[in-house]
């Protein structure tokens, strides 16, 4: 079972990376350098978020203690959302990156996760 999940995560990481790079290249052709950098930064954060979620869930499944696992999952998600929110505030306040393309990069990863989930569900 773990092998299938690891394969799924790896496939999502590879496809998300490719999609973010292609989208970054297209955005670079249309706008200045900051837009593709914002998009790539958002995509990288989306991939890091996916890795953290998969490690947290894997640790919870292997722990065997449901109440402790629920607390760990809650703390992990609140921490990640707080960090993401803080990064978004920094992006908006410093005006170094475009917040919309930053969120678009993050959204690309989420869309790839959904597509891969649908494909995997159809195989089963």
N, C-alpha and C. Protein backbone atom coordinates (compact mmCIF):
# COMPACT_ATOMS: atom_id res chain seq x y z
N UNK A 1 0.82 -1.20 0.00
CA UNK A 1 0.00 0.00 0.00
C UNK A 1 0.86 1.26 0.00
N UNK A 2 1.90 1.27 0.82
CA UNK A 2 2.76 2.45 0.89
C UNK A 2 3.44 2.71 -0.44
N UNK A 3 3.81 1.64 -1.13
CA UNK A 3 4.47 1.81 -2.43
C UNK A 3 3.57 2.54 -3.41
N UNK A 4 2.26 2.21 -3.41
CA UNK A 4 1.32 2.87 -4.30
C UNK A 4 1.17 4.35 -3.97
N UNK A 5 1.16 4.66 -2.68
CA UNK A 5 1.05 6.06 -2.26
C UNK A 5 2.32 6.82 -2.63
N UNK A 6 3.48 6.20 -2.39
CA UNK A 6 4.75 6.84 -2.75
C UNK A 6 4.83 7.09 -4.25
N UNK A 7 4.36 6.15 -5.04
CA UNK A 7 4.35 6.30 -6.49
C UNK A 7 3.42 7.45 -6.89
N UNK A 8 2.27 7.52 -6.26
CA UNK A 8 1.31 8.59 -6.53
C UNK A 8 1.94 9.95 -6.22
N UNK A 9 2.55 10.07 -5.04
CA UNK A 9 3.17 11.34 -4.63
C UNK A 9 4.28 11.71 -5.60
N UNK A 10 5.11 10.75 -5.96
CA UNK A 10 6.21 11.02 -6.90
C UNK A 10 5.68 11.48 -8.25
N UNK A 11 4.63 10.81 -8.73
CA UNK A 11 4.03 11.19 -10.01
C UNK A 11 3.48 12.61 -9.96
N UNK A 12 2.82 12.95 -8.86
CA UNK A 12 2.28 14.30 -8.71
C UNK A 12 3.41 15.33 -8.66
N UNK A 13 4.49 15.01 -7.94
CA UNK A 13 5.62 15.93 -7.85
C UNK A 13 6.23 16.19 -9.22
N UNK A 14 6.44 15.13 -9.99
CA UNK A 14 7.06 15.28 -11.31
C UNK A 14 6.15 16.07 -12.25
N UNK A 15 4.89 15.69 -12.30
CA UNK A 15 3.96 16.37 -13.21
C UNK A 15 3.71 17.82 -12.79
N UNK A 16 3.66 18.06 -11.48
CA UNK A 16 3.49 19.44 -11.00
C UNK A 16 4.70 20.29 -11.35
N UNK A 17 5.88 19.72 -11.17
CA UNK A 17 7.11 20.45 -11.51
C UNK A 17 7.13 20.82 -12.99
N UNK A 18 6.79 19.85 -13.82
CA UNK A 18 6.77 20.13 -15.26
C UNK A 18 5.71 21.17 -15.61
N UNK A 19 4.52 21.05 -15.03
CA UNK A 19 3.44 22.00 -15.33
C UNK A 19 3.82 23.41 -14.87
N UNK A 20 4.43 23.52 -13.69
CA UNK A 20 4.83 24.84 -13.19
C UNK A 20 5.93 25.44 -14.07
N UNK A 21 6.88 24.62 -14.49
CA UNK A 21 7.95 25.14 -15.35
C UNK A 21 7.42 25.57 -16.72
N UNK A 22 6.52 24.79 -17.29
CA UNK A 22 5.94 25.16 -18.59
C UNK A 22 5.11 26.44 -18.44
N UNK A 23 4.30 26.50 -17.39
CA UNK A 23 3.51 27.72 -17.16
C UNK A 23 4.43 28.91 -16.91
N UNK A 24 5.51 28.70 -16.16
CA UNK A 24 6.47 29.78 -15.92
C UNK A 24 7.11 30.28 -17.21
N UNK A 25 7.43 29.35 -18.10
CA UNK A 25 8.02 29.73 -19.39
C UNK A 25 7.02 30.53 -20.22
N UNK A 26 5.76 30.10 -20.23
CA UNK A 26 4.74 30.83 -20.98
C UNK A 26 4.51 32.22 -20.40
N UNK A 27 4.49 32.32 -19.08
CA UNK A 27 4.30 33.61 -18.43
C UNK A 27 5.49 34.52 -18.70
N UNK A 28 6.69 33.94 -18.74
CA UNK A 28 7.90 34.72 -19.04
C UNK A 28 7.82 35.35 -20.42
N UNK A 29 7.25 34.63 -21.38
CA UNK A 29 7.11 35.16 -22.74
C UNK A 29 6.13 36.33 -22.79
N UNK A 30 5.17 36.33 -21.88
CA UNK A 30 4.13 37.36 -21.92
C UNK A 30 4.40 38.56 -21.02
N UNK A 31 5.08 38.34 -19.88
CA UNK A 31 5.30 39.41 -18.91
C UNK A 31 6.76 39.50 -18.52
N UNK A 32 7.03 40.26 -17.49
CA UNK A 32 8.41 40.43 -17.03
C UNK A 32 8.87 39.25 -16.18
N UNK A 33 10.06 39.33 -15.64
CA UNK A 33 10.68 38.21 -14.94
C UNK A 33 10.01 37.89 -13.60
N UNK A 34 9.38 38.86 -12.95
CA UNK A 34 8.83 38.62 -11.61
C UNK A 34 7.60 37.71 -11.64
N UNK A 35 6.81 37.75 -12.69
CA UNK A 35 5.62 36.91 -12.76
C UNK A 35 5.98 35.42 -12.79
N UNK A 36 6.90 34.99 -13.68
CA UNK A 36 7.24 33.56 -13.66
C UNK A 36 7.93 33.15 -12.36
N UNK A 37 8.72 34.03 -11.75
CA UNK A 37 9.34 33.70 -10.48
C UNK A 37 8.28 33.53 -9.39
N UNK A 38 7.26 34.37 -9.42
CA UNK A 38 6.16 34.24 -8.47
C UNK A 38 5.43 32.91 -8.67
N UNK A 39 5.17 32.57 -9.91
CA UNK A 39 4.48 31.33 -10.23
C UNK A 39 5.31 30.13 -9.79
N UNK A 40 6.60 30.15 -10.06
CA UNK A 40 7.47 29.04 -9.68
C UNK A 40 7.58 28.93 -8.16
N UNK A 41 7.66 30.06 -7.47
CA UNK A 41 7.70 30.04 -6.01
C UNK A 41 6.43 29.42 -5.44
N UNK A 42 5.28 29.80 -5.98
CA UNK A 42 4.02 29.20 -5.54
C UNK A 42 3.97 27.71 -5.81
N UNK A 43 4.48 27.29 -6.97
CA UNK A 43 4.52 25.86 -7.30
C UNK A 43 5.44 25.08 -6.37
N UNK A 44 6.59 25.65 -6.07
CA UNK A 44 7.53 24.99 -5.15
C UNK A 44 6.88 24.85 -3.77
N UNK A 45 6.22 25.89 -3.31
CA UNK A 45 5.55 25.80 -2.02
C UNK A 45 4.42 24.77 -2.04
N UNK A 46 3.74 24.64 -3.16
CA UNK A 46 2.69 23.62 -3.28
C UNK A 46 3.27 22.22 -3.21
N UNK A 47 4.42 22.01 -3.84
CA UNK A 47 5.07 20.70 -3.80
C UNK A 47 5.60 20.40 -2.40
N UNK A 48 6.18 21.41 -1.75
CA UNK A 48 6.65 21.23 -0.37
C UNK A 48 5.47 20.90 0.54
N UNK A 49 4.36 21.58 0.35
CA UNK A 49 3.16 21.31 1.14
C UNK A 49 2.70 19.87 0.94
N UNK A 50 2.70 19.39 -0.29
CA UNK A 50 2.31 18.02 -0.58
C UNK A 50 3.23 17.03 0.14
N UNK A 51 4.52 17.27 0.10
CA UNK A 51 5.47 16.39 0.79
C UNK A 51 5.24 16.37 2.29
N UNK A 52 5.00 17.55 2.86
CA UNK A 52 4.76 17.61 4.31
C UNK A 52 3.48 16.88 4.68
N UNK A 53 2.45 17.04 3.88
CA UNK A 53 1.19 16.34 4.15
C UNK A 53 1.40 14.84 4.06
N UNK A 54 2.10 14.37 3.03
CA UNK A 54 2.30 12.93 2.88
C UNK A 54 3.13 12.35 4.03
N UNK A 55 4.15 13.08 4.47
CA UNK A 55 4.95 12.60 5.61
C UNK A 55 4.14 12.59 6.89
N UNK A 56 3.31 13.60 7.09
CA UNK A 56 2.47 13.66 8.29
C UNK A 56 1.48 12.51 8.31
N UNK A 57 0.81 12.28 7.19
CA UNK A 57 -0.18 11.20 7.12
C UNK A 57 0.49 9.85 7.27
N UNK A 58 1.65 9.67 6.66
CA UNK A 58 2.37 8.41 6.79
C UNK A 58 2.76 8.16 8.25
N UNK A 59 3.22 9.19 8.93
CA UNK A 59 3.56 9.06 10.34
C UNK A 59 2.35 8.74 11.20
N UNK A 60 1.22 9.33 10.86
CA UNK A 60 -0.01 9.08 11.61
C UNK A 60 -0.47 7.63 11.42
N UNK A 61 -0.42 7.16 10.20
CA UNK A 61 -0.85 5.79 9.91
C UNK A 61 0.05 4.79 10.63
N UNK A 62 1.33 5.07 10.65
CA UNK A 62 2.28 4.16 11.28
C UNK A 62 2.29 4.25 12.80
N UNK A 63 1.78 5.35 13.38
CA UNK A 63 1.84 5.53 14.84
C UNK A 63 0.87 4.61 15.58
N UNK A 64 -0.31 4.41 15.05
CA UNK A 64 -1.29 3.55 15.70
C UNK A 64 -2.02 4.20 16.86
N UNK A 65 -1.77 5.46 17.14
CA UNK A 65 -2.44 6.18 18.23
C UNK A 65 -3.33 7.26 17.61
N UNK A 66 -4.63 6.99 17.45
CA UNK A 66 -5.50 7.93 16.72
C UNK A 66 -5.61 9.33 17.34
N UNK A 67 -5.72 9.43 18.66
CA UNK A 67 -5.91 10.75 19.26
C UNK A 67 -4.64 11.59 19.15
N UNK A 68 -3.50 10.97 19.36
CA UNK A 68 -2.23 11.69 19.21
C UNK A 68 -2.03 12.07 17.74
N UNK A 69 -2.42 11.18 16.85
CA UNK A 69 -2.28 11.43 15.42
C UNK A 69 -3.16 12.60 14.98
N UNK A 70 -4.37 12.68 15.51
CA UNK A 70 -5.26 13.78 15.17
C UNK A 70 -4.68 15.12 15.62
N UNK A 71 -4.11 15.15 16.82
CA UNK A 71 -3.50 16.39 17.31
C UNK A 71 -2.32 16.78 16.42
N UNK A 72 -1.50 15.78 16.07
CA UNK A 72 -0.33 16.06 15.23
C UNK A 72 -0.77 16.60 13.87
N UNK A 73 -1.80 16.00 13.31
CA UNK A 73 -2.31 16.45 12.01
C UNK A 73 -2.86 17.87 12.11
N UNK A 74 -3.60 18.15 13.16
CA UNK A 74 -4.17 19.48 13.35
C UNK A 74 -3.06 20.54 13.49
N UNK A 75 -2.09 20.27 14.35
CA UNK A 75 -0.98 21.21 14.56
C UNK A 75 -0.19 21.40 13.27
N UNK A 76 0.04 20.31 12.56
CA UNK A 76 0.79 20.39 11.31
C UNK A 76 0.07 21.27 10.29
N UNK A 77 -1.22 21.07 10.14
CA UNK A 77 -1.97 21.85 9.15
C UNK A 77 -2.08 23.32 9.55
N UNK A 78 -2.31 23.59 10.81
CA UNK A 78 -2.40 24.98 11.26
C UNK A 78 -1.06 25.68 11.06
N UNK A 79 0.03 24.98 11.36
CA UNK A 79 1.36 25.56 11.17
C UNK A 79 1.62 25.86 9.70
N UNK A 80 1.30 24.90 8.83
CA UNK A 80 1.52 25.12 7.39
C UNK A 80 0.66 26.25 6.84
N UNK A 81 -0.59 26.29 7.26
CA UNK A 81 -1.46 27.38 6.80
C UNK A 81 -0.96 28.73 7.30
N UNK A 82 -0.47 28.76 8.52
CA UNK A 82 0.08 30.00 9.07
C UNK A 82 1.30 30.46 8.30
N UNK A 83 2.18 29.52 7.98
CA UNK A 83 3.39 29.86 7.21
C UNK A 83 3.00 30.34 5.82
N UNK A 84 2.06 29.65 5.18
CA UNK A 84 1.62 30.06 3.85
C UNK A 84 0.98 31.45 3.90
N UNK A 85 0.15 31.69 4.90
CA UNK A 85 -0.46 33.00 5.06
C UNK A 85 0.58 34.09 5.29
N UNK A 86 1.57 33.79 6.13
CA UNK A 86 2.65 34.73 6.39
C UNK A 86 3.44 35.04 5.12
N UNK A 87 3.74 34.00 4.34
CA UNK A 87 4.46 34.21 3.08
C UNK A 87 3.63 35.06 2.12
N UNK A 88 2.34 34.81 2.08
CA UNK A 88 1.48 35.59 1.19
C UNK A 88 1.44 37.06 1.62
N UNK A 89 1.38 37.30 2.94
CA UNK A 89 1.41 38.68 3.44
C UNK A 89 2.73 39.35 3.06
N UNK A 90 3.85 38.63 3.21
CA UNK A 90 5.16 39.18 2.85
C UNK A 90 5.21 39.49 1.36
N UNK A 91 4.67 38.58 0.55
CA UNK A 91 4.65 38.79 -0.90
C UNK A 91 3.85 40.05 -1.24
N UNK A 92 2.72 40.22 -0.59
CA UNK A 92 1.86 41.37 -0.88
C UNK A 92 2.49 42.66 -0.37
N UNK A 93 3.00 42.64 0.86
CA UNK A 93 3.56 43.86 1.47
C UNK A 93 4.84 44.33 0.78
N UNK A 94 5.73 43.40 0.44
CA UNK A 94 7.01 43.80 -0.16
C UNK A 94 6.89 44.09 -1.65
N UNK A 95 5.82 43.62 -2.25
CA UNK A 95 5.59 43.81 -3.68
C UNK A 95 6.75 43.28 -4.53
N UNK A 96 7.44 42.28 -3.99
CA UNK A 96 8.54 41.68 -4.74
C UNK A 96 8.00 40.64 -5.73
N UNK A 97 6.93 39.99 -5.34
CA UNK A 97 6.33 38.98 -6.20
C UNK A 97 4.87 39.33 -6.42
N UNK A 98 4.31 38.81 -7.49
CA UNK A 98 2.90 39.01 -7.79
C UNK A 98 2.08 37.96 -7.04
N UNK A 99 1.19 38.38 -6.13
CA UNK A 99 0.44 37.40 -5.34
C UNK A 99 -0.49 36.52 -6.19
N UNK A 100 -1.02 37.04 -7.28
CA UNK A 100 -1.92 36.22 -8.11
C UNK A 100 -1.16 35.10 -8.82
N UNK A 101 0.01 35.40 -9.37
CA UNK A 101 0.77 34.33 -10.02
C UNK A 101 1.36 33.38 -8.97
N UNK A 102 1.66 33.89 -7.78
CA UNK A 102 2.11 33.05 -6.68
C UNK A 102 1.03 32.01 -6.35
N UNK A 103 -0.22 32.48 -6.19
CA UNK A 103 -1.33 31.57 -5.91
C UNK A 103 -1.63 30.66 -7.10
N UNK A 104 -1.40 31.15 -8.31
CA UNK A 104 -1.61 30.31 -9.49
C UNK A 104 -0.63 29.14 -9.50
N UNK A 105 0.61 29.39 -9.12
CA UNK A 105 1.59 28.30 -9.03
C UNK A 105 1.18 27.28 -8.00
N UNK A 106 0.69 27.75 -6.86
CA UNK A 106 0.21 26.85 -5.81
C UNK A 106 -1.00 26.06 -6.31
N UNK A 107 -1.89 26.74 -7.04
CA UNK A 107 -3.10 26.10 -7.55
C UNK A 107 -2.79 25.04 -8.61
N UNK A 108 -1.73 25.23 -9.38
CA UNK A 108 -1.35 24.23 -10.38
C UNK A 108 -1.10 22.89 -9.71
N UNK A 109 -0.40 22.92 -8.59
CA UNK A 109 -0.11 21.68 -7.86
C UNK A 109 -1.40 21.05 -7.36
N UNK A 110 -2.31 21.85 -6.85
CA UNK A 110 -3.59 21.32 -6.35
C UNK A 110 -4.38 20.67 -7.49
N UNK A 111 -4.39 21.32 -8.64
CA UNK A 111 -5.12 20.77 -9.79
C UNK A 111 -4.49 19.45 -10.24
N UNK A 112 -3.17 19.37 -10.25
CA UNK A 112 -2.49 18.13 -10.63
C UNK A 112 -2.83 17.02 -9.63
N UNK A 113 -2.88 17.35 -8.34
CA UNK A 113 -3.26 16.36 -7.32
C UNK A 113 -4.66 15.84 -7.60
N UNK A 114 -5.59 16.74 -7.91
CA UNK A 114 -6.97 16.31 -8.20
C UNK A 114 -7.03 15.43 -9.45
N UNK A 115 -6.34 15.82 -10.50
CA UNK A 115 -6.34 15.04 -11.75
C UNK A 115 -5.73 13.66 -11.51
N UNK A 116 -4.60 13.60 -10.82
CA UNK A 116 -3.96 12.31 -10.55
C UNK A 116 -4.84 11.44 -9.65
N UNK A 117 -5.54 12.08 -8.70
CA UNK A 117 -6.46 11.32 -7.85
C UNK A 117 -7.60 10.71 -8.64
N UNK A 118 -8.15 11.46 -9.58
CA UNK A 118 -9.22 10.94 -10.43
C UNK A 118 -8.71 9.80 -11.30
N UNK A 119 -7.52 9.97 -11.87
CA UNK A 119 -6.93 8.92 -12.71
C UNK A 119 -6.68 7.66 -11.88
N UNK A 120 -6.13 7.83 -10.68
CA UNK A 120 -5.87 6.69 -9.81
C UNK A 120 -7.16 5.99 -9.38
N UNK A 121 -8.20 6.76 -9.11
CA UNK A 121 -9.48 6.18 -8.71
C UNK A 121 -10.10 5.37 -9.84
N UNK A 122 -9.91 5.81 -11.06
CA UNK A 122 -10.48 5.08 -12.21
C UNK A 122 -9.75 3.75 -12.42
N UNK A 123 -8.48 3.69 -12.03
CA UNK A 123 -7.71 2.45 -12.18
C UNK A 123 -8.16 1.38 -11.20
N UNK A 124 -8.67 1.80 -10.06
CA UNK A 124 -9.07 0.84 -9.01
C UNK A 124 -10.44 0.35 -9.25
